[in-house]
Amino acid sequence: MKITKVETTKAPQPKSAPYSQAIKAGNFIFTAGQIHLTPDGQLVEGTIEDQTHQIMRNLQAILKQAGASFANVVKTTIYVTDMSTYGQVNLVYGSYFKAPFPARETVCVKELPLGAKIEISLIAVK
């Protein structure tokens, strides 16, 4: 199976950790968890909706670079630091997908890198 690194300047670059934005392995695309960073590395403050939109734009750019789209996504994982934001996150997240929706779990965690409030990763199949 061929394994290929996926990289785009339209999403934040890994700076101080050994990981790739995404990896293509066969027909699968595995993204790294994305927090609400702009492509130039600035953490988006604003509302949880603003932060979720930024993450989804990052993931969209990574998928596009891999030759895929949200229509190819089969599984997502969402990490939040405050479960009371679930409803707002769910509305924004859901606006990027059409049925059949990907399988998903949402996990509440104590903290995320750089003080982020939300992180999302996904798996797609082409």
Protein backbone atom coordinates (compact mmCIF):
# COMPACT_ATOMS: atom_id res chain seq x y z
CA MET A 1 0.00 0.00 0.00
CA LYS A 2 1.33 3.40 -0.99
CA ILE A 3 1.44 6.03 1.78
CA THR A 4 1.60 9.70 0.77
CA LYS A 5 1.83 12.89 2.80
CA VAL A 6 -0.86 15.51 2.09
CA GLU A 7 0.17 19.12 2.60
CA THR A 8 -1.40 22.47 1.72
CA THR A 9 -0.60 26.07 2.63
CA LYS A 10 -4.37 26.68 2.92
CA ALA A 11 -4.41 25.03 6.34
CA PRO A 12 -2.10 25.42 9.36
CA GLN A 13 1.31 23.79 9.01
CA PRO A 14 2.66 21.46 11.70
CA LYS A 15 5.29 23.56 13.45
CA SER A 16 6.65 21.97 16.59
CA ALA A 17 5.35 18.43 16.41
CA PRO A 18 6.13 15.46 14.18
CA TYR A 19 2.90 14.97 12.22
CA SER A 20 1.41 15.54 8.77
CA GLN A 21 -1.75 17.49 7.93
CA ALA A 22 -3.02 14.26 6.41
CA ILE A 23 -1.86 10.92 5.10
CA LYS A 24 -3.23 9.05 2.10
CA ALA A 25 -2.98 5.30 2.57
CA GLY A 26 -4.45 3.38 -0.32
CA ASN A 27 -7.97 4.76 -0.81
CA PHE A 28 -8.08 6.26 2.70
CA ILE A 29 -7.30 9.81 3.80
CA PHE A 30 -6.58 10.35 7.50
CA THR A 31 -6.38 13.96 8.69
CA ALA A 32 -4.58 15.18 11.75
CA GLY A 33 -6.80 16.83 14.33
CA GLN A 34 -7.44 20.44 13.37
CA ILE A 35 -7.94 23.18 15.93
CA HIS A 36 -9.19 26.68 15.16
CA LEU A 37 -5.96 28.02 13.69
CA THR A 38 -5.87 30.13 10.54
CA PRO A 39 -3.50 28.97 7.78
CA ASP A 40 -0.93 31.49 9.09
CA GLY A 41 -1.08 29.94 12.57
CA GLN A 42 -3.28 32.43 14.45
CA LEU A 43 -5.77 30.97 16.93
CA VAL A 44 -9.30 32.16 16.08
CA GLU A 45 -10.97 33.55 19.19
CA GLY A 46 -14.58 34.64 18.56
CA THR A 47 -17.51 32.30 19.11
CA ILE A 48 -17.50 28.51 19.08
CA GLU A 49 -19.29 28.82 15.73
CA ASP A 50 -16.43 30.96 14.34
CA GLN A 51 -13.92 28.43 15.65
CA THR A 52 -15.81 25.47 14.18
CA HIS A 53 -16.07 27.16 10.77
CA GLN A 54 -12.29 27.73 10.77
CA ILE A 55 -11.65 24.08 11.53
CA MET A 56 -14.02 22.96 8.80
CA ARG A 57 -12.32 25.31 6.29
CA ASN A 58 -8.95 23.81 7.27
CA LEU A 59 -10.27 20.28 6.81
CA GLN A 60 -11.89 21.23 3.50
CA ALA A 61 -8.56 22.59 2.20
CA ILE A 62 -6.72 19.43 3.27
CA LEU A 63 -9.34 17.19 1.66
CA LYS A 64 -9.19 19.22 -1.55
CA GLN A 65 -5.40 18.86 -1.65
CA ALA A 66 -5.92 15.10 -1.31
CA GLY A 67 -8.42 15.12 -4.20
CA ALA A 68 -11.46 14.60 -1.97
CA SER A 69 -14.30 16.53 -0.36
CA PHE A 70 -16.65 16.26 2.61
CA ALA A 71 -18.74 13.86 0.48
CA ASN A 72 -15.89 11.34 0.87
CA VAL A 73 -15.80 11.51 4.68
CA VAL A 74 -16.82 8.31 6.47
CA LYS A 75 -15.77 9.04 10.08
CA THR A 76 -15.11 12.09 12.24
CA THR A 77 -14.02 12.68 15.79
CA ILE A 78 -14.80 15.92 17.59
CA TYR A 79 -13.10 16.93 20.84
CA VAL A 80 -14.55 19.80 22.88
CA THR A 81 -13.50 21.25 26.22
CA ASP A 82 -17.06 22.26 27.14
CA MET A 83 -19.97 19.94 26.31
CA SER A 84 -22.42 22.85 26.61
CA THR A 85 -21.16 23.98 23.17
CA TYR A 86 -22.28 20.71 21.55
CA GLY A 87 -25.43 22.21 20.00
CA GLN A 88 -23.64 25.13 18.34
CA VAL A 89 -20.79 22.91 17.13
CA ASN A 90 -23.27 20.38 15.78
CA LEU A 91 -25.14 23.03 13.74
CA VAL A 92 -21.98 24.36 12.08
CA TYR A 93 -20.43 20.92 11.57
CA GLY A 94 -23.66 19.57 10.08
CA SER A 95 -23.85 22.38 7.54
CA TYR A 96 -20.77 20.98 5.77
CA PHE A 97 -22.23 17.50 5.16
CA LYS A 98 -25.15 15.92 3.31
CA ALA A 99 -26.80 12.57 4.05
CA PRO A 100 -25.57 9.99 4.52
CA PHE A 101 -23.66 11.71 7.30
CA PRO A 102 -20.30 10.32 8.48
CA ALA A 103 -20.09 8.17 11.58
CA ARG A 104 -18.94 10.34 14.49
CA GLU A 105 -18.19 10.64 18.14
CA THR A 106 -17.91 13.77 20.25
CA VAL A 107 -15.62 13.59 23.26
CA CYS A 108 -15.31 16.13 26.06
CA VAL A 109 -11.71 16.59 27.17
CA LYS A 110 -10.02 18.65 29.86
CA GLU A 111 -7.88 20.66 27.46
CA LEU A 112 -6.57 20.85 23.89
CA PRO A 113 -3.34 22.16 22.31
CA LEU A 114 -2.73 25.92 22.43
CA GLY A 115 -5.80 26.45 24.60
CA ALA A 116 -8.17 25.50 21.76
CA LYS A 117 -11.78 24.76 22.63
CA ILE A 118 -12.48 22.31 19.81
CA GLU A 119 -10.55 19.89 17.60
CA ILE A 120 -11.85 17.77 14.72
CA SER A 121 -10.23 14.96 12.74
CA LEU A 122 -11.66 12.86 9.96
CA ILE A 123 -11.23 9.82 7.77
CA ALA A 124 -12.26 9.88 4.11
CA VAL A 125 -12.32 7.27 1.36
CA LYS A 126 -11.78 7.99 -2.32
